[in-house]
Amino acid sequence: PFADGVLSDEIKNSWKETTLFNRLKWATEAAHGVAALHSIKAGGVSPSAIHGDLTINQFFIRDGRLQIGDYNLGLLLRRNTTSEANETCTFVLPNHFSTTASPEEYADLRQTAAIDVWALGS
């Protein structure tokens, strides 16, 4: 199988029994996963990739470690050629009414990779 479990199921079924160590391990692994995704450098810019739909349902457990999956709203970002700061272009994802959506997503404003960081903390 691709994964041994899904983080949302672990939280729902055994949160009270989950040790503080494992909770912090999951949080750290989730943050490292998002950082790794955002550190992908392509086309001269970083971040050049975003997930766009992070929820606890998107974190799979395999061999005791978290992995990010379900990139159906993921984007590869392009460099903003009109900016001298070597930034990525902003974008607008389709409104998917996620419980972890950023304020920019709800307001249909231009978005950046910061939406993944917002979702991680939600």
PDB file of N, CA and C in Angstrom:
ATOM      1  N   PRO A   1       0.822  -1.206   0.000  1.00  0.00           N
ATOM      2  CA  PRO A   1       0.000   0.000   0.000  1.00  0.00           C
ATOM      3  C   PRO A   1       0.856   1.256   0.000  1.00  0.00           C
ATOM      4  N   PHE A   2       0.263   2.308  -0.509  1.00  0.00           N
ATOM      5  CA  PHE A   2       0.971   3.582  -0.568  1.00  0.00           C
ATOM      6  C   PHE A   2       1.285   4.097   0.835  1.00  0.00           C
ATOM      7  N   ALA A   3       0.312   3.948   1.748  1.00  0.00           N
ATOM      8  CA  ALA A   3       0.499   4.486   3.097  1.00  0.00           C
ATOM      9  C   ALA A   3      -0.068   3.528   4.128  1.00  0.00           C
ATOM     10  N   ASP A   4       0.444   3.656   5.347  1.00  0.00           N
ATOM     11  CA  ASP A   4      -0.052   2.845   6.454  1.00  0.00           C
ATOM     12  C   ASP A   4      -1.266   3.483   7.112  1.00  0.00           C
ATOM     13  N   GLY A   5      -1.464   4.762   6.872  1.00  0.00           N
ATOM     14  CA  GLY A   5      -2.587   5.463   7.477  1.00  0.00           C
ATOM     15  C   GLY A   5      -2.623   6.912   7.050  1.00  0.00           C
ATOM     16  N   VAL A   6      -3.629   7.618   7.561  1.00  0.00           N
ATOM     17  CA  VAL A   6      -3.820   9.036   7.274  1.00  0.00           C
ATOM     18  C   VAL A   6      -3.824   9.768   8.614  1.00  0.00           C
ATOM     19  N   LEU A   7      -3.160  10.904   8.660  1.00  0.00           N
ATOM     20  CA  LEU A   7      -3.045  11.647   9.912  1.00  0.00           C
ATOM     21  C   LEU A   7      -4.414  11.958  10.504  1.00  0.00           C
ATOM     22  N   SER A   8      -5.386  12.305   9.670  1.00  0.00           N
ATOM     23  CA  SER A   8      -6.711  12.636  10.191  1.00  0.00           C
ATOM     24  C   SER A   8      -7.331  11.460  10.942  1.00  0.00           C
ATOM     25  N   ASP A   9      -7.129  10.251  10.454  1.00  0.00           N
ATOM     26  CA  ASP A   9      -7.659   9.072  11.152  1.00  0.00           C
ATOM     27  C   ASP A   9      -6.946   8.850  12.473  1.00  0.00           C
ATOM     28  N   GLU A  10      -5.628   9.038  12.495  1.00  0.00           N
ATOM     29  CA  GLU A  10      -4.873   8.876  13.735  1.00  0.00           C
ATOM     30  C   GLU A  10      -5.344   9.866  14.792  1.00  0.00           C
ATOM     31  N   ILE A  11      -5.578  11.099  14.365  1.00  0.00           N
ATOM     32  CA  ILE A  11      -6.026  12.127  15.302  1.00  0.00           C
ATOM     33  C   ILE A  11      -7.436  11.818  15.794  1.00  0.00           C
ATOM     34  N   LYS A  12      -8.305  11.426  14.879  1.00  0.00           N
ATOM     35  CA  LYS A  12      -9.693  11.141  15.247  1.00  0.00           C
ATOM     36  C   LYS A  12      -9.802   9.916  16.151  1.00  0.00           C
ATOM     37  N   ASN A  13      -9.041   8.882  15.864  1.00  0.00           N
ATOM     38  CA  ASN A  13      -9.207   7.608  16.568  1.00  0.00           C
ATOM     39  C   ASN A  13      -8.370   7.454  17.829  1.00  0.00           C
ATOM     40  N   SER A  14      -7.242   8.154  17.911  1.00  0.00           N
ATOM     41  CA  SER A  14      -6.369   7.889  19.063  1.00  0.00           C
ATOM     42  C   SER A  14      -5.647   9.128  19.582  1.00  0.00           C
ATOM     43  N   TRP A  15      -6.277  10.296  19.478  1.00  0.00           N
ATOM     44  CA  TRP A  15      -5.618  11.525  19.901  1.00  0.00           C
ATOM     45  C   TRP A  15      -5.255  11.495  21.382  1.00  0.00           C
ATOM     46  N   LYS A  16      -6.159  11.018  22.225  1.00  0.00           N
ATOM     47  CA  LYS A  16      -5.899  11.014  23.672  1.00  0.00           C
ATOM     48  C   LYS A  16      -4.738  10.101  24.033  1.00  0.00           C
ATOM     49  N   GLU A  17      -4.544   9.040  23.262  1.00  0.00           N
ATOM     50  CA  GLU A  17      -3.459   8.096  23.550  1.00  0.00           C
ATOM     51  C   GLU A  17      -2.143   8.518  22.894  1.00  0.00           C
ATOM     52  N   THR A  18      -2.196   9.493  22.006  1.00  0.00           N
ATOM     53  CA  THR A  18      -0.987   9.922  21.295  1.00  0.00           C
ATOM     54  C   THR A  18      -0.099  10.728  22.232  1.00  0.00           C
ATOM     55  N   THR A  19       1.134  10.332  22.332  1.00  0.00           N
ATOM     56  CA  THR A  19       2.066  11.006  23.240  1.00  0.00           C
ATOM     57  C   THR A  19       2.408  12.405  22.728  1.00  0.00           C
ATOM     58  N   LEU A  20       2.812  13.254  23.631  1.00  0.00           N
ATOM     59  CA  LEU A  20       3.245  14.592  23.264  1.00  0.00           C
ATOM     60  C   LEU A  20       4.415  14.512  22.293  1.00  0.00           C
ATOM     61  N   PHE A  21       5.290  13.555  22.494  1.00  0.00           N
ATOM     62  CA  PHE A  21       6.424  13.373  21.591  1.00  0.00           C
ATOM     63  C   PHE A  21       5.929  13.134  20.159  1.00  0.00           C
ATOM     64  N   ASN A  22       4.954  12.235  19.985  1.00  0.00           N
ATOM     65  CA  ASN A  22       4.455  11.948  18.634  1.00  0.00           C
ATOM     66  C   ASN A  22       3.715  13.139  18.036  1.00  0.00           C
ATOM     67  N   ARG A  23       2.994  13.880  18.857  1.00  0.00           N
ATOM     68  CA  ARG A  23       2.308  15.075  18.354  1.00  0.00           C
ATOM     69  C   ARG A  23       3.321  16.093  17.826  1.00  0.00           C
ATOM     70  N   LEU A  24       4.384  16.304  18.606  1.00  0.00           N
ATOM     71  CA  LEU A  24       5.426  17.243  18.168  1.00  0.00           C
ATOM     72  C   LEU A  24       6.184  16.709  16.961  1.00  0.00           C
ATOM     73  N   LYS A  25       6.374  15.394  16.908  1.00  0.00           N
ATOM     74  CA  LYS A  25       7.041  14.773  15.755  1.00  0.00           C
ATOM     75  C   LYS A  25       6.216  15.006  14.493  1.00  0.00           C
ATOM     76  N   TRP A  26       4.894  14.801  14.584  1.00  0.00           N
ATOM     77  CA  TRP A  26       4.030  15.029  13.428  1.00  0.00           C
ATOM     78  C   TRP A  26       4.074  16.498  12.996  1.00  0.00           C
ATOM     79  N   ALA A  27       4.003  17.409  13.965  1.00  0.00           N
ATOM     80  CA  ALA A  27       4.030  18.831  13.629  1.00  0.00           C
ATOM     81  C   ALA A  27       5.343  19.203  12.947  1.00  0.00           C
ATOM     82  N   THR A  28       6.443  18.682  13.473  1.00  0.00           N
ATOM     83  CA  THR A  28       7.754  18.966  12.895  1.00  0.00           C
ATOM     84  C   THR A  28       7.876  18.376  11.497  1.00  0.00           C
ATOM     85  N   GLU A  29       7.423  17.144  11.321  1.00  0.00           N
ATOM     86  CA  GLU A  29       7.495  16.515  10.000  1.00  0.00           C
ATOM     87  C   GLU A  29       6.608  17.240   8.986  1.00  0.00           C
ATOM     88  N   ALA A  30       5.438  17.695   9.418  1.00  0.00           N
ATOM     89  CA  ALA A  30       4.564  18.445   8.516  1.00  0.00           C
ATOM     90  C   ALA A  30       5.239  19.743   8.080  1.00  0.00           C
ATOM     91  N   ALA A  31       5.830  20.453   9.043  1.00  0.00           N
ATOM     92  CA  ALA A  31       6.517  21.709   8.721  1.00  0.00           C
ATOM     93  C   ALA A  31       7.717  21.469   7.807  1.00  0.00           C
ATOM     94  N   HIS A  32       8.469  20.410   8.072  1.00  0.00           N
ATOM     95  CA  HIS A  32       9.614  20.091   7.205  1.00  0.00           C
ATOM     96  C   HIS A  32       9.137  19.714   5.798  1.00  0.00           C
ATOM     97  N   GLY A  33       8.009  19.029   5.703  1.00  0.00           N
ATOM     98  CA  GLY A  33       7.474  18.664   4.391  1.00  0.00           C
ATOM     99  C   GLY A  33       7.087  19.884   3.570  1.00  0.00           C
ATOM    100  N   VAL A  34       6.419  20.837   4.201  1.00  0.00           N
ATOM    101  CA  VAL A  34       6.048  22.069   3.502  1.00  0.00           C
ATOM    102  C   VAL A  34       7.304  22.861   3.133  1.00  0.00           C
ATOM    103  N   ALA A  35       8.265  22.912   4.046  1.00  0.00           N
ATOM    104  CA  ALA A  35       9.524  23.619   3.747  1.00  0.00           C
ATOM    105  C   ALA A  35      10.246  22.969   2.575  1.00  0.00           C
ATOM    106  N   ALA A  36      10.246  21.637   2.531  1.00  0.00           N
ATOM    107  CA  ALA A  36      10.901  20.947   1.414  1.00  0.00           C
ATOM    108  C   ALA A  36      10.185  21.248   0.099  1.00  0.00           C
ATOM    109  N   LEU A  37       8.861  21.250   0.132  1.00  0.00           N
ATOM    110  CA  LEU A  37       8.096  21.569  -1.082  1.00  0.00           C
ATOM    111  C   LEU A  37       8.412  22.985  -1.539  1.00  0.00           C
ATOM    112  N   HIS A  38       8.444  23.913  -0.604  1.00  0.00           N
ATOM    113  CA  HIS A  38       8.704  25.307  -0.946  1.00  0.00           C
ATOM    114  C   HIS A  38      10.160  25.569  -1.291  1.00  0.00           C
ATOM    115  N   SER A  39      11.049  24.634  -0.992  1.00  0.00           N
ATOM    116  CA  SER A  39      12.462  24.843  -1.327  1.00  0.00           C
ATOM    117  C   SER A  39      12.798  24.354  -2.732  1.00  0.00           C
ATOM    118  N   ILE A  40      11.832  23.746  -3.402  1.00  0.00           N
ATOM    119  CA  ILE A  40      12.061  23.330  -4.791  1.00  0.00           C
ATOM    120  C   ILE A  40      12.329  24.585  -5.605  1.00  0.00           C
ATOM    121  N   LYS A  41      13.471  24.597  -6.271  1.00  0.00           N
ATOM    122  CA  LYS A  41      13.846  25.771  -7.051  1.00  0.00           C
ATOM    123  C   LYS A  41      13.844  25.395  -8.529  1.00  0.00           C
ATOM    124  N   ALA A  42      13.021  26.066  -9.265  1.00  0.00           N
ATOM    125  CA  ALA A  42      12.936  25.822 -10.713  1.00  0.00           C
ATOM    126  C   ALA A  42      12.708  27.157 -11.408  1.00  0.00           C
ATOM    127  N   GLY A  43      13.242  27.294 -12.561  1.00  0.00           N
ATOM    128  CA  GLY A  43      13.057  28.530 -13.297  1.00  0.00           C
ATOM    129  C   GLY A  43      13.671  29.730 -12.613  1.00  0.00           C
ATOM    130  N   GLY A  44      14.635  29.483 -11.736  1.00  0.00           N
ATOM    131  CA  GLY A  44      15.332  30.584 -11.088  1.00  0.00           C
ATOM    132  C   GLY A  44      14.634  31.156  -9.878  1.00  0.00           C
ATOM    133  N   VAL A  45      13.539  30.548  -9.435  1.00  0.00           N
ATOM    134  CA  VAL A  45      12.833  31.083  -8.273  1.00  0.00           C
ATOM    135  C   VAL A  45      12.567  29.987  -7.253  1.00  0.00           C
ATOM    136  N   SER A  46      12.445  30.417  -6.029  1.00  0.00           N
ATOM    137  CA  SER A  46      12.055  29.524  -4.952  1.00  0.00           C
ATOM    138  C   SER A  46      11.208  30.354  -3.992  1.00  0.00           C
ATOM    139  N   PRO A  47      10.032  29.942  -3.560  1.00  0.00           N
ATOM    140  CA  PRO A  47       9.462  28.635  -3.891  1.00  0.00           C
ATOM    141  C   PRO A  47       8.923  28.620  -5.313  1.00  0.00           C
ATOM    142  N   SER A  48       8.999  27.467  -5.912  1.00  0.00           N
ATOM    143  CA  SER A  48       8.439  27.322  -7.250  1.00  0.00           C
ATOM    144  C   SER A  48       7.316  26.302  -7.267  1.00  0.00           C
ATOM    145  N   ALA A  49       6.959  25.749  -6.099  1.00  0.00           N
ATOM    146  CA  ALA A  49       5.873  24.777  -6.025  1.00  0.00           C
ATOM    147  C   ALA A  49       5.060  25.028  -4.756  1.00  0.00           C
ATOM    148  N   ILE A  50       3.751  24.825  -4.868  1.00  0.00           N
ATOM    149  CA  ILE A  50       2.873  24.923  -3.704  1.00  0.00           C
ATOM    150  C   ILE A  50       1.916  23.742  -3.724  1.00  0.00           C
ATOM    151  N   HIS A  51       1.369  23.422  -2.552  1.00  0.00           N
ATOM    152  CA  HIS A  51       0.384  22.331  -2.454  1.00  0.00           C
ATOM    153  C   HIS A  51      -1.004  22.858  -2.763  1.00  0.00           C
ATOM    154  N   GLY A  52      -1.415  23.918  -2.092  1.00  0.00           N
ATOM    155  CA  GLY A  52      -2.679  24.565  -2.375  1.00  0.00           C
ATOM    156  C   GLY A  52      -3.898  23.988  -1.678  1.00  0.00           C
ATOM    157  N   ASP A  53      -3.756  22.875  -0.959  1.00  0.00           N
ATOM    158  CA  ASP A  53      -4.926  22.255  -0.339  1.00  0.00           C
ATOM    159  C   ASP A  53      -4.522  21.450   0.896  1.00  0.00           C
ATOM    160  N   LEU A  54      -3.670  22.026   1.734  1.00  0.00           N
ATOM    161  CA  LEU A  54      -3.195  21.277   2.896  1.00  0.00           C
ATOM    162  C   LEU A  54      -4.259  21.169   3.983  1.00  0.00           C
ATOM    163  N   THR A  55      -4.573  19.952   4.357  1.00  0.00           N
ATOM    164  CA  THR A  55      -5.416  19.648   5.510  1.00  0.00           C
ATOM    165  C   THR A  55      -4.812  18.404   6.158  1.00  0.00           C
ATOM    166  N   ILE A  56      -5.316  18.017   7.306  1.00  0.00           N
ATOM    167  CA  ILE A  56      -4.779  16.811   7.933  1.00  0.00           C
ATOM    168  C   ILE A  56      -5.107  15.565   7.116  1.00  0.00           C
ATOM    169  N   ASN A  57      -6.052  15.674   6.183  1.00  0.00           N
ATOM    170  CA  ASN A  57      -6.359  14.545   5.291  1.00  0.00           C
ATOM    171  C   ASN A  57      -5.293  14.348   4.219  1.00  0.00           C
ATOM    172  N   GLN A  58      -4.424  15.333   4.022  1.00  0.00           N
ATOM    173  CA  GLN A  58      -3.408  15.266   2.970  1.00  0.00           C
ATOM    174  C   GLN A  58      -2.073  14.725   3.481  1.00  0.00           C
ATOM    175  N   PHE A  59      -2.001  14.445   4.778  1.00  0.00           N
ATOM    176  CA  PHE A  59      -0.769  13.903   5.345  1.00  0.00           C
ATOM    177  C   PHE A  59      -0.947  12.409   5.575  1.00  0.00           C
ATOM    178  N   PHE A  60      -0.145  11.640   4.892  1.00  0.00           N
ATOM    179  CA  PHE A  60      -0.196  10.190   4.999  1.00  0.00           C
ATOM    180  C   PHE A  60       0.937   9.707   5.895  1.00  0.00           C
ATOM    181  N   ILE A  61       0.709   8.581   6.557  1.00  0.00           N
ATOM    182  CA  ILE A  61       1.731   7.992   7.415  1.00  0.00           C
ATOM    183  C   ILE A  61       2.267   6.753   6.724  1.00  0.00           C
ATOM    184  N   ARG A  62       3.567   6.735   6.547  1.00  0.00           N
ATOM    185  CA  ARG A  62       4.219   5.585   5.932  1.00  0.00           C
ATOM    186  C   ARG A  62       5.493   5.299   6.705  1.00  0.00           C
ATOM    187  N   ASP A  63       5.630   4.086   7.168  1.00  0.00           N
ATOM    188  CA  ASP A  63       6.791   3.685   7.959  1.00  0.00           C
ATOM    189  C   ASP A  63       7.005   4.623   9.147  1.00  0.00           C
ATOM    190  N   GLY A  64       5.893   5.078   9.753  1.00  0.00           N
ATOM    191  CA  GLY A  64       5.973   5.919  10.938  1.00  0.00           C
ATOM    192  C   GLY A  64       6.273   7.381  10.690  1.00  0.00           C
ATOM    193  N   ARG A  65       6.357   7.795   9.424  1.00  0.00           N
ATOM    194  CA  ARG A  65       6.679   9.188   9.093  1.00  0.00           C
ATOM    195  C   ARG A  65       5.579   9.794   8.248  1.00  0.00           C
ATOM    196  N   LEU A  66       5.407  11.111   8.377  1.00  0.00           N
ATOM    197  CA  LEU A  66       4.401  11.802   7.576  1.00  0.00           C
ATOM    198  C   LEU A  66       4.923  12.072   6.172  1.00  0.00           C
ATOM    199  N   GLN A  67       4.018  11.975   5.211  1.00  0.00           N
ATOM    200  CA  GLN A  67       4.296  12.347   3.828  1.00  0.00           C
ATOM    201  C   GLN A  67       3.117  13.149   3.320  1.00  0.00           C
ATOM    202  N   ILE A  68       3.397  14.162   2.530  1.00  0.00           N
ATOM    203  CA  ILE A  68       2.332  14.974   1.958  1.00  0.00           C
ATOM    204  C   ILE A  68       1.863  14.315   0.667  1.00  0.00           C
ATOM    205  N   GLY A  69       0.555  14.257   0.484  1.00  0.00           N
ATOM    206  CA  GLY A  69      -0.004  13.693  -0.734  1.00  0.00           C
ATOM    207  C   GLY A  69      -1.105  14.567  -1.296  1.00  0.00           C
ATOM    208  N   ASP A  70      -1.755  14.079  -2.328  1.00  0.00           N
ATOM    209  CA  ASP A  70      -2.913  14.722  -2.956  1.00  0.00           C
ATOM    210  C   ASP A  70      -2.587  16.133  -3.443  1.00  0.00           C
ATOM    211  N   TYR A  71      -1.876  16.195  -4.519  1.00  0.00           N
ATOM    212  CA  TYR A  71      -1.455  17.480  -5.087  1.00  0.00           C
ATOM    213  C   TYR A  71      -2.397  17.959  -6.193  1.00  0.00           C
ATOM    214  N   ASN A  72      -3.683  17.632  -6.093  1.00  0.00           N
ATOM    215  CA  ASN A  72      -4.584  17.983  -7.187  1.00  0.00           C
ATOM    216  C   ASN A  72      -4.741  19.492  -7.374  1.00  0.00           C
ATOM    217  N   LEU A  73      -4.492  20.292  -6.351  1.00  0.00           N
ATOM    218  CA  LEU A  73      -4.513  21.751  -6.506  1.00  0.00           C
ATOM    219  C   LEU A  73      -3.106  22.344  -6.510  1.00  0.00           C
ATOM    220  N   GLY A  74      -2.096  21.493  -6.519  1.00  0.00           N
ATOM    221  CA  GLY A  74      -0.720  21.966  -6.512  1.00  0.00           C
ATOM    222  C   GLY A  74      -0.384  22.749  -7.773  1.00  0.00           C
ATOM    223  N   LEU A  75       0.553  23.651  -7.619  1.00  0.00           N
ATOM    224  CA  LEU A  75       0.985  24.478  -8.749  1.00  0.00           C
ATOM    225  C   LEU A  75       2.497  24.560  -8.810  1.00  0.00           C
ATOM    226  N   LEU A  76       3.007  24.597 -10.009  1.00  0.00           N
ATOM    227  CA  LEU A  76       4.390  24.999 -10.230  1.00  0.00           C
ATOM    228  C   LEU A  76       4.333  26.472 -10.591  1.00  0.00           C
ATOM    229  N   LEU A  77       5.043  27.292  -9.843  1.00  0.00           N
ATOM    230  CA  LEU A  77       4.964  28.733 -10.013  1.00  0.00           C
ATOM    231  C   LEU A  77       5.958  29.218 -11.052  1.00  0.00           C
ATOM    232  N   ARG A  78       5.617  30.311 -11.668  1.00  0.00           N
ATOM    233  CA  ARG A  78       6.486  30.913 -12.681  1.00  0.00           C
ATOM    234  C   ARG A  78       7.120  32.176 -12.113  1.00  0.00           C
ATOM    235  N   ARG A  79       8.268  32.494 -12.652  1.00  0.00           N
ATOM    236  CA  ARG A  79       8.967  33.720 -12.236  1.00  0.00           C
ATOM    237  C   ARG A  79       8.249  34.933 -12.818  1.00  0.00           C
ATOM    238  N   ASN A  80       8.094  35.942 -11.987  1.00  0.00           N
ATOM    239  CA  ASN A  80       7.488  37.196 -12.418  1.00  0.00           C
ATOM    240  C   ASN A  80       8.546  37.993 -13.174  1.00  0.00           C
ATOM    241  N   THR A  81       8.462  37.991 -14.485  1.00  0.00           N
ATOM    242  CA  THR A  81       9.492  38.647 -15.312  1.00  0.00           C
ATOM    243  C   THR A  81       9.395  40.168 -15.258  1.00  0.00           C
ATOM    244  N   THR A  82       8.312  40.697 -14.684  1.00  0.00           N
ATOM    245  CA  THR A  82       8.197  42.150 -14.569  1.00  0.00           C
ATOM    246  C   THR A  82       8.746  42.662 -13.245  1.00  0.00           C
ATOM    247  N   SER A  83       9.183  41.757 -12.390  1.00  0.00           N
ATOM    248  CA  SER A  83       9.705  42.137 -11.072  1.00  0.00           C
ATOM    249  C   SER A  83      11.227  42.027 -11.069  1.00  0.00           C
ATOM    250  N   GLU A  84      11.878  43.024 -10.529  1.00  0.00           N
ATOM    251  CA  GLU A  84      13.326  42.959 -10.406  1.00  0.00           C
ATOM    252  C   GLU A  84      13.756  42.181  -9.172  1.00  0.00           C
ATOM    253  N   ALA A  85      12.805  41.820  -8.311  1.00  0.00           N
ATOM    254  CA  ALA A  85      13.123  41.120  -7.060  1.00  0.00           C
ATOM    255  C   ALA A  85      13.166  39.605  -7.249  1.00  0.00           C
ATOM    256  N   ASN A  86      13.035  39.126  -8.469  1.00  0.00           N
ATOM    257  CA  ASN A  86      13.076  37.691  -8.766  1.00  0.00           C
ATOM    258  C   ASN A  86      12.017  36.930  -7.962  1.00  0.00           C
ATOM    259  N   GLU A  87      10.803  37.430  -8.011  1.00  0.00           N
ATOM    260  CA  GLU A  87       9.690  36.835  -7.279  1.00  0.00           C
ATOM    261  C   GLU A  87       8.892  35.907  -8.194  1.00  0.00           C
ATOM    262  N   THR A  88       8.065  35.077  -7.550  1.00  0.00           N
ATOM    263  CA  THR A  88       7.153  34.253  -8.331  1.00  0.00           C
ATOM    264  C   THR A  88       5.882  35.027  -8.610  1.00  0.00           C
ATOM    265  N   CYS A  89       5.190  34.623  -9.643  1.00  0.00           N
ATOM    266  CA  CYS A  89       3.896  35.213  -9.951  1.00  0.00           C
ATOM    267  C   CYS A  89       2.889  34.815  -8.874  1.00  0.00           C
ATOM    268  N   THR A  90       1.948  35.688  -8.630  1.00  0.00           N
ATOM    269  CA  THR A  90       0.857  35.340  -7.732  1.00  0.00           C
ATOM    270  C   THR A  90      -0.176  34.557  -8.549  1.00  0.00           C
ATOM    271  N   PHE A  91      -1.166  34.008  -7.877  1.00  0.00           N
ATOM    272  CA  PHE A  91      -2.151  33.163  -8.542  1.00  0.00           C
ATOM    273  C   PHE A  91      -3.439  33.209  -7.736  1.00  0.00           C
ATOM    274  N   VAL A  92      -4.502  32.690  -8.310  1.00  0.00           N
ATOM    275  CA  VAL A  92      -5.772  32.536  -7.609  1.00  0.00           C
ATOM    276  C   VAL A  92      -6.228  31.106  -7.826  1.00  0.00           C
ATOM    277  N   LEU A  93      -6.300  30.351  -6.735  1.00  0.00           N
ATOM    278  CA  LEU A  93      -6.805  28.982  -6.822  1.00  0.00           C
ATOM    279  C   LEU A  93      -8.328  29.013  -6.833  1.00  0.00           C
ATOM    280  N   PRO A  94      -8.948  28.007  -7.428  1.00  0.00           N
ATOM    281  CA  PRO A  94     -10.411  27.954  -7.356  1.00  0.00           C
ATOM    282  C   PRO A  94     -10.848  27.810  -5.904  1.00  0.00           C
ATOM    283  N   ASN A  95     -11.910  28.504  -5.542  1.00  0.00           N
ATOM    284  CA  ASN A  95     -12.387  28.447  -4.162  1.00  0.00           C
ATOM    285  C   ASN A  95     -12.885  27.048  -3.869  1.00  0.00           C
ATOM    286  N   HIS A  96     -12.248  26.379  -2.906  1.00  0.00           N
ATOM    287  CA  HIS A  96     -12.622  25.005  -2.573  1.00  0.00           C
ATOM    288  C   HIS A  96     -13.178  24.902  -1.152  1.00  0.00           C
ATOM    289  N   PHE A  97     -13.456  26.034  -0.517  1.00  0.00           N
ATOM    290  CA  PHE A  97     -14.120  26.089   0.780  1.00  0.00           C
ATOM    291  C   PHE A  97     -13.483  25.168   1.809  1.00  0.00           C
ATOM    292  N   SER A  98     -12.189  25.179   1.864  1.00  0.00           N
ATOM    293  CA  SER A  98     -11.454  24.368   2.828  1.00  0.00           C
ATOM    294  C   SER A  98     -11.504  25.027   4.201  1.00  0.00           C
ATOM    295  N   THR A  99     -11.477  24.216   5.236  1.00  0.00           N
ATOM    296  CA  THR A  99     -11.433  24.758   6.595  1.00  0.00           C
ATOM    297  C   THR A  99     -10.083  25.376   6.906  1.00  0.00           C
ATOM    298  N   THR A 100      -9.092  25.122   6.074  1.00  0.00           N
ATOM    299  CA  THR A 100      -7.758  25.679   6.295  1.00  0.00           C
ATOM    300  C   THR A 100      -7.413  26.761   5.278  1.00  0.00           C
ATOM    301  N   ALA A 101      -8.392  27.235   4.525  1.00  0.00           N
ATOM    302  CA  ALA A 101      -8.128  28.245   3.500  1.00  0.00           C
ATOM    303  C   ALA A 101      -7.693  29.560   4.139  1.00  0.00           C
ATOM    304  N   SER A 102      -6.789  30.230   3.471  1.00  0.00           N
ATOM    305  CA  SER A 102      -6.279  31.508   3.966  1.00  0.00           C
ATOM    306  C   SER A 102      -7.301  32.613   3.687  1.00  0.00           C
ATOM    307  N   PRO A 103      -7.147  33.760   4.358  1.00  0.00           N
ATOM    308  CA  PRO A 103      -8.044  34.888   4.074  1.00  0.00           C
ATOM    309  C   PRO A 103      -8.007  35.302   2.602  1.00  0.00           C
ATOM    310  N   GLU A 104      -6.841  35.199   1.977  1.00  0.00           N
ATOM    311  CA  GLU A 104      -6.734  35.544   0.552  1.00  0.00           C
ATOM    312  C   GLU A 104      -7.596  34.616  -0.311  1.00  0.00           C
ATOM    313  N   GLU A 105      -7.628  33.344   0.052  1.00  0.00           N
ATOM    314  CA  GLU A 105      -8.432  32.395  -0.714  1.00  0.00           C
ATOM    315  C   GLU A 105      -9.918  32.704  -0.589  1.00  0.00           C
ATOM    316  N   TYR A 106     -10.375  32.989   0.635  1.00  0.00           N
ATOM    317  CA  TYR A 106     -11.795  33.297   0.835  1.00  0.00           C
ATOM    318  C   TYR A 106     -12.201  34.576   0.121  1.00  0.00           C
ATOM    319  N   ALA A 107     -11.284  35.534   0.014  1.00  0.00           N
ATOM    320  CA  ALA A 107     -11.589  36.817  -0.615  1.00  0.00           C
ATOM    321  C   ALA A 107     -11.275  36.826  -2.107  1.00  0.00           C
ATOM    322  N   ASP A 108     -10.863  35.687  -2.660  1.00  0.00           N
ATOM    323  CA  ASP A 108     -10.477  35.597  -4.073  1.00  0.00           C
ATOM    324  C   ASP A 108      -9.405  36.620  -4.440  1.00  0.00           C
ATOM    325  N   LEU A 109      -8.446  36.825  -3.529  1.00  0.00           N
ATOM    326  CA  LEU A 109      -7.320  37.724  -3.779  1.00  0.00           C
ATOM    327  C   LEU A 109      -6.156  36.938  -4.368  1.00  0.00           C
ATOM    328  N   ARG A 110      -5.184  37.648  -4.896  1.00  0.00           N
ATOM    329  CA  ARG A 110      -3.974  37.023  -5.412  1.00  0.00           C
ATOM    330  C   ARG A 110      -3.266  36.311  -4.269  1.00  0.00           C
ATOM    331  N   GLN A 111      -2.703  35.126  -4.540  1.00  0.00           N
ATOM    332  CA  GLN A 111      -2.111  34.292  -3.501  1.00  0.00           C
ATOM    333  C   GLN A 111      -0.648  33.990  -3.798  1.00  0.00           C
ATOM    334  N   THR A 112       0.055  33.558  -2.733  1.00  0.00           N
ATOM    335  CA  THR A 112       1.452  33.157  -2.836  1.00  0.00           C
ATOM    336  C   THR A 112       1.595  31.825  -2.096  1.00  0.00           C
ATOM    337  N   ALA A 113       2.819  31.344  -2.000  1.00  0.00           N
ATOM    338  CA  ALA A 113       3.080  30.097  -1.277  1.00  0.00           C
ATOM    339  C   ALA A 113       2.719  30.215   0.198  1.00  0.00           C
ATOM    340  N   ALA A 114       2.501  31.423   0.681  1.00  0.00           N
ATOM    341  CA  ALA A 114       2.128  31.622   2.078  1.00  0.00           C
ATOM    342  C   ALA A 114       0.814  30.935   2.427  1.00  0.00           C
ATOM    343  N   ILE A 115      -0.021  30.611   1.440  1.00  0.00           N
ATOM    344  CA  ILE A 115      -1.273  29.918   1.756  1.00  0.00           C
ATOM    345  C   ILE A 115      -1.014  28.537   2.349  1.00  0.00           C
ATOM    346  N   ASP A 116       0.074  27.892   1.933  1.00  0.00           N
ATOM    347  CA  ASP A 116       0.432  26.588   2.529  1.00  0.00           C
ATOM    348  C   ASP A 116       0.845  26.749   3.988  1.00  0.00           C
ATOM    349  N   VAL A 117       1.545  27.815   4.285  1.00  0.00           N
ATOM    350  CA  VAL A 117       1.977  28.078   5.659  1.00  0.00           C
ATOM    351  C   VAL A 117       0.761  28.358   6.526  1.00  0.00           C
ATOM    352  N   TRP A 118      -0.187  29.139   6.011  1.00  0.00           N
ATOM    353  CA  TRP A 118      -1.417  29.413   6.731  1.00  0.00           C
ATOM    354  C   TRP A 118      -2.144  28.103   7.033  1.00  0.00           C
ATOM    355  N   ALA A 119      -2.289  27.260   6.025  1.00  0.00           N
ATOM    356  CA  ALA A 119      -3.000  25.995   6.189  1.00  0.00           C
ATOM    357  C   ALA A 119      -2.305  25.098   7.206  1.00  0.00           C
ATOM    358  N   LEU A 120      -0.998  25.106   7.216  1.00  0.00           N
ATOM    359  CA  LEU A 120      -0.238  24.282   8.154  1.00  0.00           C
ATOM    360  C   LEU A 120      -0.555  24.662   9.595  1.00  0.00           C
ATOM    361  N   GLY A 121      -0.765  25.954   9.832  1.00  0.00           N
ATOM    362  CA  GLY A 121      -1.067  26.419  11.176  1.00  0.00           C
ATOM    363  C   GLY A 121      -2.548  26.380  11.540  1.00  0.00           C
ATOM    364  N   SER A 122      -3.373  26.011  10.592  1.00  0.00           N
ATOM    365  CA  SER A 122      -4.829  26.005  10.847  1.00  0.00           C
ATOM    366  C   SER A 122      -5.298  24.718  11.460  1.00  0.00           C
TER     367      SER A 122
END
